[in-house]
PDB file of all heavy atoms in Angstrom:
ATOM      1  N   GLY A   1     -24.849 149.605  69.154  1.00  0.00           N
ATOM      2  CA  GLY A   1     -25.146 150.997  69.241  1.00  0.00           C
ATOM      3  C   GLY A   1     -24.089 151.997  68.783  1.00  0.00           C
ATOM      4  O   GLY A   1     -24.128 153.219  69.096  1.00  0.00           O
ATOM      5  N   LEU A   2     -23.091 151.451  68.070  1.00  0.00           N
ATOM      6  CA  LEU A   2     -22.018 152.393  67.604  1.00  0.00           C
ATOM      7  C   LEU A   2     -22.424 152.984  66.327  1.00  0.00           C
ATOM      8  O   LEU A   2     -23.372 152.527  65.601  1.00  0.00           O
ATOM      9  CB  LEU A   2     -20.734 151.524  67.337  1.00  0.00           C
ATOM     10  CG  LEU A   2     -20.112 150.828  68.484  1.00  0.00           C
ATOM     11  CD1 LEU A   2     -18.830 150.099  68.139  1.00  0.00           C
ATOM     12  CD2 LEU A   2     -19.806 151.774  69.679  1.00  0.00           C
ATOM     13  N   THR A   3     -21.908 154.280  66.047  1.00  0.00           N
ATOM     14  CA  THR A   3     -22.293 154.982  64.858  1.00  0.00           C
ATOM     15  C   THR A   3     -21.276 154.778  63.777  1.00  0.00           C
ATOM     16  O   THR A   3     -20.053 155.252  63.932  1.00  0.00           O
ATOM     17  CB  THR A   3     -22.392 156.504  65.120  1.00  0.00           C
ATOM     18  OG1 THR A   3     -23.362 156.720  66.230  1.00  0.00           O
ATOM     19  CG2 THR A   3     -22.785 157.255  64.010  1.00  0.00           C
ATOM     20  N   ILE A   4     -21.619 154.159  62.696  1.00  0.00           N
ATOM     21  CA  ILE A   4     -20.775 153.961  61.566  1.00  0.00           C
ATOM     22  C   ILE A   4     -20.695 155.212  60.708  1.00  0.00           C
ATOM     23  O   ILE A   4     -21.644 155.625  60.098  1.00  0.00           O
ATOM     24  CB  ILE A   4     -21.216 152.730  60.638  1.00  0.00           C
ATOM     25  CG1 ILE A   4     -21.287 151.420  61.554  1.00  0.00           C
ATOM     26  CG2 ILE A   4     -20.277 152.515  59.488  1.00  0.00           C
ATOM     27  CD1 ILE A   4     -22.007 150.325  60.853  1.00  0.00           C
ATOM     28  N   LYS A   5     -19.473 155.826  60.663  1.00  0.00           N
ATOM     29  CA  LYS A   5     -19.396 157.079  60.038  1.00  0.00           C
ATOM     30  C   LYS A   5     -18.740 157.000  58.619  1.00  0.00           C
ATOM     31  O   LYS A   5     -18.886 158.041  57.891  1.00  0.00           O
ATOM     32  CB  LYS A   5     -18.570 158.017  60.926  1.00  0.00           C
ATOM     33  CG  LYS A   5     -19.216 158.358  62.289  1.00  0.00           C
ATOM     34  CD  LYS A   5     -18.697 159.627  62.857  1.00  0.00           C
ATOM     35  CE  LYS A   5     -19.524 160.028  64.048  1.00  0.00           C
ATOM     36  NZ  LYS A   5     -19.124 161.250  64.726  1.00  0.00           N
ATOM     37  N   THR A   6     -18.259 155.907  58.222  1.00  0.00           N
ATOM     38  CA  THR A   6     -17.697 155.743  56.884  1.00  0.00           C
ATOM     39  C   THR A   6     -18.855 155.862  55.907  1.00  0.00           C
ATOM     40  O   THR A   6     -19.933 155.225  56.029  1.00  0.00           O
ATOM     41  CB  THR A   6     -17.029 154.341  56.732  1.00  0.00           C
ATOM     42  OG1 THR A   6     -15.916 154.229  57.648  1.00  0.00           O
ATOM     43  CG2 THR A   6     -16.565 154.113  55.294  1.00  0.00           C
ATOM     44  N   PRO A   7     -18.727 156.729  54.822  1.00  0.00           N
ATOM     45  CA  PRO A   7     -19.812 156.802  53.820  1.00  0.00           C
ATOM     46  C   PRO A   7     -20.127 155.452  53.271  1.00  0.00           C
ATOM     47  O   PRO A   7     -19.222 154.612  52.921  1.00  0.00           O
ATOM     48  CB  PRO A   7     -19.092 157.736  52.749  1.00  0.00           C
ATOM     49  CG  PRO A   7     -18.104 158.481  53.487  1.00  0.00           C
ATOM     50  CD  PRO A   7     -17.597 157.504  54.513  1.00  0.00           C
ATOM     51  N   TRP A   8     -21.427 155.249  53.051  1.00  0.00           N
ATOM     52  CA  TRP A   8     -21.849 153.977  52.526  1.00  0.00           C
ATOM     53  C   TRP A   8     -21.225 153.740  51.086  1.00  0.00           C
ATOM     54  O   TRP A   8     -20.815 152.639  50.755  1.00  0.00           O
ATOM     55  CB  TRP A   8     -23.359 153.891  52.348  1.00  0.00           C
ATOM     56  CG  TRP A   8     -23.827 152.628  51.607  1.00  0.00           C
ATOM     57  CD1 TRP A   8     -24.211 152.515  50.282  1.00  0.00           C
ATOM     58  CD2 TRP A   8     -23.621 151.334  52.101  1.00  0.00           C
ATOM     59  NE1 TRP A   8     -24.398 151.237  49.996  1.00  0.00           N
ATOM     60  CE2 TRP A   8     -24.134 150.511  51.015  1.00  0.00           C
ATOM     61  CE3 TRP A   8     -23.273 150.657  53.267  1.00  0.00           C
ATOM     62  CZ2 TRP A   8     -24.060 149.089  51.090  1.00  0.00           C
ATOM     63  CZ3 TRP A   8     -23.302 149.375  53.369  1.00  0.00           C
ATOM     64  CH2 TRP A   8     -23.711 148.520  52.389  1.00  0.00           C
ATOM     65  N   ALA A   9     -21.122 154.795  50.220  1.00  0.00           N
ATOM     66  CA  ALA A   9     -20.514 154.560  48.931  1.00  0.00           C
ATOM     67  C   ALA A   9     -19.102 154.150  48.989  1.00  0.00           C
ATOM     68  O   ALA A   9     -18.617 153.348  48.193  1.00  0.00           O
ATOM     69  CB  ALA A   9     -20.546 156.024  48.168  1.00  0.00           C
ATOM     70  N   PHE A  10     -18.332 154.593  50.007  1.00  0.00           N
ATOM     71  CA  PHE A  10     -16.990 154.108  50.323  1.00  0.00           C
ATOM     72  C   PHE A  10     -17.100 152.545  50.532  1.00  0.00           C
ATOM     73  O   PHE A  10     -16.247 151.742  49.994  1.00  0.00           O
ATOM     74  CB  PHE A  10     -16.329 154.850  51.389  1.00  0.00           C
ATOM     75  CG  PHE A  10     -14.905 154.459  51.766  1.00  0.00           C
ATOM     76  CD1 PHE A  10     -13.865 155.217  51.291  1.00  0.00           C
ATOM     77  CD2 PHE A  10     -14.632 153.293  52.501  1.00  0.00           C
ATOM     78  CE1 PHE A  10     -12.584 154.902  51.665  1.00  0.00           C
ATOM     79  CE2 PHE A  10     -13.321 152.921  52.674  1.00  0.00           C
ATOM     80  CZ  PHE A  10     -12.295 153.669  52.321  1.00  0.00           C
ATOM     81  N   GLN A  11     -17.935 152.116  51.498  1.00  0.00           N
ATOM     82  CA  GLN A  11     -18.019 150.755  51.884  1.00  0.00           C
ATOM     83  C   GLN A  11     -18.435 149.870  50.629  1.00  0.00           C
ATOM     84  O   GLN A  11     -17.823 148.780  50.402  1.00  0.00           O
ATOM     85  CB  GLN A  11     -19.068 150.596  52.918  1.00  0.00           C
ATOM     86  CG  GLN A  11     -18.789 151.354  54.240  1.00  0.00           C
ATOM     87  CD  GLN A  11     -19.765 151.005  55.283  1.00  0.00           C
ATOM     88  OE1 GLN A  11     -20.037 149.838  55.641  1.00  0.00           O
ATOM     89  NE2 GLN A  11     -20.422 152.055  55.802  1.00  0.00           N
ATOM     90  N   ALA A  12     -19.399 150.377  49.909  1.00  0.00           N
ATOM     91  CA  ALA A  12     -19.934 149.593  48.778  1.00  0.00           C
ATOM     92  C   ALA A  12     -18.812 149.391  47.705  1.00  0.00           C
ATOM     93  O   ALA A  12     -18.719 148.329  46.984  1.00  0.00           O
ATOM     94  CB  ALA A  12     -21.129 150.239  48.129  1.00  0.00           C
ATOM     95  N   ALA A  13     -17.974 150.479  47.437  1.00  0.00           N
ATOM     96  CA  ALA A  13     -16.932 150.390  46.483  1.00  0.00           C
ATOM     97  C   ALA A  13     -15.852 149.318  46.880  1.00  0.00           C
ATOM     98  O   ALA A  13     -15.559 148.474  46.050  1.00  0.00           O
ATOM     99  CB  ALA A  13     -16.315 151.706  46.342  1.00  0.00           C
ATOM    100  N   ILE A  14     -15.488 149.286  48.163  1.00  0.00           N
ATOM    101  CA  ILE A  14     -14.479 148.258  48.637  1.00  0.00           C
ATOM    102  C   ILE A  14     -15.139 146.919  48.484  1.00  0.00           C
ATOM    103  O   ILE A  14     -14.587 145.961  48.020  1.00  0.00           O
ATOM    104  CB  ILE A  14     -14.065 148.611  50.009  1.00  0.00           C
ATOM    105  CG1 ILE A  14     -13.385 149.996  50.030  1.00  0.00           C
ATOM    106  CG2 ILE A  14     -13.170 147.493  50.482  1.00  0.00           C
ATOM    107  CD1 ILE A  14     -12.093 150.052  49.353  1.00  0.00           C
ATOM    108  N   MET A  15     -16.370 146.765  48.922  1.00  0.00           N
ATOM    109  CA  MET A  15     -17.036 145.551  48.924  1.00  0.00           C
ATOM    110  C   MET A  15     -17.216 144.911  47.492  1.00  0.00           C
ATOM    111  O   MET A  15     -17.087 143.738  47.300  1.00  0.00           O
ATOM    112  CB  MET A  15     -18.502 145.688  49.466  1.00  0.00           C
ATOM    113  CG  MET A  15     -19.375 144.351  49.439  1.00  0.00           C
ATOM    114  SD  MET A  15     -20.906 144.492  50.353  1.00  0.00           S
ATOM    115  CE  MET A  15     -21.789 145.702  49.240  1.00  0.00           C
ATOM    116  N   ASN A  16     -17.376 145.830  46.525  1.00  0.00           N
ATOM    117  CA  ASN A  16     -17.613 145.351  45.103  1.00  0.00           C
ATOM    118  C   ASN A  16     -16.299 145.413  44.377  1.00  0.00           C
ATOM    119  O   ASN A  16     -16.280 145.187  43.154  1.00  0.00           O
ATOM    120  CB  ASN A  16     -18.580 146.204  44.445  1.00  0.00           C
ATOM    121  CG  ASN A  16     -20.009 145.950  45.023  1.00  0.00           C
ATOM    122  OD1 ASN A  16     -20.415 144.861  45.293  1.00  0.00           O
ATOM    123  ND2 ASN A  16     -20.728 147.036  45.253  1.00  0.00           N
ATOM    124  N   GLY A  17     -15.120 145.597  45.052  1.00  0.00           N
ATOM    125  CA  GLY A  17     -13.890 145.564  44.315  1.00  0.00           C
ATOM    126  C   GLY A  17     -13.496 146.658  43.458  1.00  0.00           C
ATOM    127  O   GLY A  17     -12.825 146.575  42.489  1.00  0.00           O
ATOM    128  N   THR A  18     -14.085 147.881  43.758  1.00  0.00           N
ATOM    129  CA  THR A  18     -13.758 149.094  42.960  1.00  0.00           C
ATOM    130  C   THR A  18     -13.115 150.054  43.895  1.00  0.00           C
ATOM    131  O   THR A  18     -13.213 149.981  45.125  1.00  0.00           O
ATOM    132  CB  THR A  18     -14.969 149.626  42.321  1.00  0.00           C
ATOM    133  OG1 THR A  18     -15.961 150.077  43.300  1.00  0.00           O
ATOM    134  CG2 THR A  18     -15.652 148.635  41.365  1.00  0.00           C
ATOM    135  N   ASP A  19     -12.550 151.125  43.278  1.00  0.00           N
ATOM    136  CA  ASP A  19     -11.950 152.184  44.114  1.00  0.00           C
ATOM    137  C   ASP A  19     -12.995 153.237  44.521  1.00  0.00           C
ATOM    138  O   ASP A  19     -13.796 153.630  43.751  1.00  0.00           O
ATOM    139  CB  ASP A  19     -10.897 152.894  43.269  1.00  0.00           C
ATOM    140  CG  ASP A  19      -9.678 152.012  42.975  1.00  0.00           C
ATOM    141  OD1 ASP A  19      -9.362 151.166  43.844  1.00  0.00           O
ATOM    142  OD2 ASP A  19      -9.087 152.186  41.895  1.00  0.00           O
ATOM    143  N   PRO A  20     -13.003 153.565  45.828  1.00  0.00           N
ATOM    144  CA  PRO A  20     -13.896 154.611  46.283  1.00  0.00           C
ATOM    145  C   PRO A  20     -13.487 155.935  45.616  1.00  0.00           C
ATOM    146  O   PRO A  20     -12.379 156.250  45.244  1.00  0.00           O
ATOM    147  CB  PRO A  20     -13.668 154.622  47.760  1.00  0.00           C
ATOM    148  CG  PRO A  20     -12.362 154.011  47.978  1.00  0.00           C
ATOM    149  CD  PRO A  20     -12.112 153.086  46.932  1.00  0.00           C
ATOM    150  N   SER A  21     -14.508 156.835  45.522  1.00  0.00           N
ATOM    151  CA  SER A  21     -14.240 158.163  44.915  1.00  0.00           C
ATOM    152  C   SER A  21     -13.306 158.964  45.705  1.00  0.00           C
ATOM    153  O   SER A  21     -13.177 158.787  46.948  1.00  0.00           O
ATOM    154  CB  SER A  21     -15.540 158.922  44.708  1.00  0.00           C
ATOM    155  OG  SER A  21     -16.076 159.290  45.980  1.00  0.00           O
ATOM    156  N   PRO A  22     -12.559 159.889  45.100  1.00  0.00           N
ATOM    157  CA  PRO A  22     -11.745 160.788  45.883  1.00  0.00           C
ATOM    158  C   PRO A  22     -12.462 161.579  46.970  1.00  0.00           C
ATOM    159  O   PRO A  22     -11.973 161.786  48.066  1.00  0.00           O
ATOM    160  CB  PRO A  22     -11.179 161.795  44.781  1.00  0.00           C
ATOM    161  CG  PRO A  22     -11.237 161.010  43.504  1.00  0.00           C
ATOM    162  CD  PRO A  22     -12.450 160.171  43.629  1.00  0.00           C
ATOM    163  N   GLN A  23     -13.706 161.993  46.675  1.00  0.00           N
ATOM    164  CA  GLN A  23     -14.569 162.638  47.719  1.00  0.00           C
ATOM    165  C   GLN A  23     -14.717 161.662  48.901  1.00  0.00           C
ATOM    166  O   GLN A  23     -14.681 162.218  50.063  1.00  0.00           O
ATOM    167  CB  GLN A  23     -15.875 163.086  47.109  1.00  0.00           C
ATOM    168  CG  GLN A  23     -15.729 164.105  46.039  1.00  0.00           C
ATOM    169  CD  GLN A  23     -15.518 163.476  44.623  1.00  0.00           C
ATOM    170  OE1 GLN A  23     -15.282 162.282  44.428  1.00  0.00           O
ATOM    171  NE2 GLN A  23     -15.583 164.270  43.589  1.00  0.00           N
ATOM    172  N   ASP A  24     -15.074 160.452  48.713  1.00  0.00           N
ATOM    173  CA  ASP A  24     -15.297 159.553  49.837  1.00  0.00           C
ATOM    174  C   ASP A  24     -14.006 159.214  50.584  1.00  0.00           C
ATOM    175  O   ASP A  24     -14.055 159.075  51.771  1.00  0.00           O
ATOM    176  CB  ASP A  24     -15.968 158.295  49.352  1.00  0.00           C
ATOM    177  CG  ASP A  24     -17.473 158.472  48.970  1.00  0.00           C
ATOM    178  OD1 ASP A  24     -18.094 159.401  49.583  1.00  0.00           O
ATOM    179  OD2 ASP A  24     -17.880 157.937  47.971  1.00  0.00           O
ATOM    180  N   VAL A  25     -12.923 159.101  49.833  1.00  0.00           N
ATOM    181  CA  VAL A  25     -11.618 158.904  50.543  1.00  0.00           C
ATOM    182  C   VAL A  25     -11.348 160.109  51.381  1.00  0.00           C
ATOM    183  O   VAL A  25     -10.814 159.926  52.586  1.00  0.00           O
ATOM    184  CB  VAL A  25     -10.552 158.704  49.438  1.00  0.00           C
ATOM    185  CG1 VAL A  25      -9.160 158.730  50.173  1.00  0.00           C
ATOM    186  CG2 VAL A  25     -10.720 157.363  48.689  1.00  0.00           C
ATOM    187  N   ALA A  26     -11.584 161.301  50.940  1.00  0.00           N
ATOM    188  CA  ALA A  26     -11.356 162.507  51.729  1.00  0.00           C
ATOM    189  C   ALA A  26     -12.225 162.509  52.981  1.00  0.00           C
ATOM    190  O   ALA A  26     -11.782 162.944  54.047  1.00  0.00           O
ATOM    191  CB  ALA A  26     -11.672 163.808  50.906  1.00  0.00           C
ATOM    192  N   LEU A  27     -13.460 162.090  52.880  1.00  0.00           N
ATOM    193  CA  LEU A  27     -14.386 162.046  53.950  1.00  0.00           C
ATOM    194  C   LEU A  27     -13.948 161.041  55.058  1.00  0.00           C
ATOM    195  O   LEU A  27     -13.979 161.325  56.231  1.00  0.00           O
ATOM    196  CB  LEU A  27     -15.799 161.707  53.496  1.00  0.00           C
ATOM    197  CG  LEU A  27     -16.599 162.872  52.831  1.00  0.00           C
ATOM    198  CD1 LEU A  27     -17.891 162.365  52.230  1.00  0.00           C
ATOM    199  CD2 LEU A  27     -16.891 164.002  53.770  1.00  0.00           C
ATOM    200  N   GLN A  28     -13.492 159.911  54.502  1.00  0.00           N
ATOM    201  CA  GLN A  28     -12.952 158.953  55.406  1.00  0.00           C
ATOM    202  C   GLN A  28     -11.695 159.313  56.118  1.00  0.00           C
ATOM    203  O   GLN A  28     -11.558 159.173  57.347  1.00  0.00           O
ATOM    204  CB  GLN A  28     -12.711 157.626  54.665  1.00  0.00           C
ATOM    205  CG  GLN A  28     -12.060 156.484  55.423  1.00  0.00           C
ATOM    206  CD  GLN A  28     -13.138 155.508  56.095  1.00  0.00           C
ATOM    207  OE1 GLN A  28     -14.159 156.039  56.487  1.00  0.00           O
ATOM    208  NE2 GLN A  28     -12.777 154.246  56.222  1.00  0.00           N
ATOM    209  N   THR A  29     -10.842 160.024  55.332  1.00  0.00           N
ATOM    210  CA  THR A  29      -9.620 160.545  55.959  1.00  0.00           C
ATOM    211  C   THR A  29      -9.917 161.583  57.097  1.00  0.00           C
ATOM    212  O   THR A  29      -9.208 161.484  58.166  1.00  0.00           O
ATOM    213  CB  THR A  29      -8.739 161.163  54.852  1.00  0.00           C
ATOM    214  OG1 THR A  29      -8.461 160.297  53.853  1.00  0.00           O
ATOM    215  CG2 THR A  29      -7.483 161.848  55.467  1.00  0.00           C
ATOM    216  N   GLN A  30     -10.886 162.347  56.895  1.00  0.00           N
ATOM    217  CA  GLN A  30     -11.261 163.423  57.890  1.00  0.00           C
ATOM    218  C   GLN A  30     -11.706 162.710  59.130  1.00  0.00           C
ATOM    219  O   GLN A  30     -11.474 163.218  60.278  1.00  0.00           O
ATOM    220  CB  GLN A  30     -12.300 164.217  57.323  1.00  0.00           C
ATOM    221  CG  GLN A  30     -12.762 165.301  58.272  1.00  0.00           C
ATOM    222  CD  GLN A  30     -13.794 166.341  57.630  1.00  0.00           C
ATOM    223  OE1 GLN A  30     -13.519 166.929  56.631  1.00  0.00           O
ATOM    224  NE2 GLN A  30     -14.964 166.389  58.221  1.00  0.00           N
ATOM    225  N   LEU A  31     -12.393 161.584  59.039  1.00  0.00           N
ATOM    226  CA  LEU A  31     -12.883 160.830  60.241  1.00  0.00           C
ATOM    227  C   LEU A  31     -11.639 160.504  61.140  1.00  0.00           C
ATOM    228  O   LEU A  31     -11.778 160.510  62.353  1.00  0.00           O
ATOM    229  CB  LEU A  31     -13.600 159.543  59.838  1.00  0.00           C
ATOM    230  CG  LEU A  31     -14.905 159.670  59.041  1.00  0.00           C
ATOM    231  CD1 LEU A  31     -15.443 158.368  58.677  1.00  0.00           C
ATOM    232  CD2 LEU A  31     -15.889 160.509  59.768  1.00  0.00           C
TER     233      LEU A  31
END
């Protein structure tokens, strides 16, 4: 029942071995 707040695009980038976008990094940082 926890709420995963990390953007999916950020998760998918790390999972697939690529760098997340600056926008998604900024959103994650804000969390």
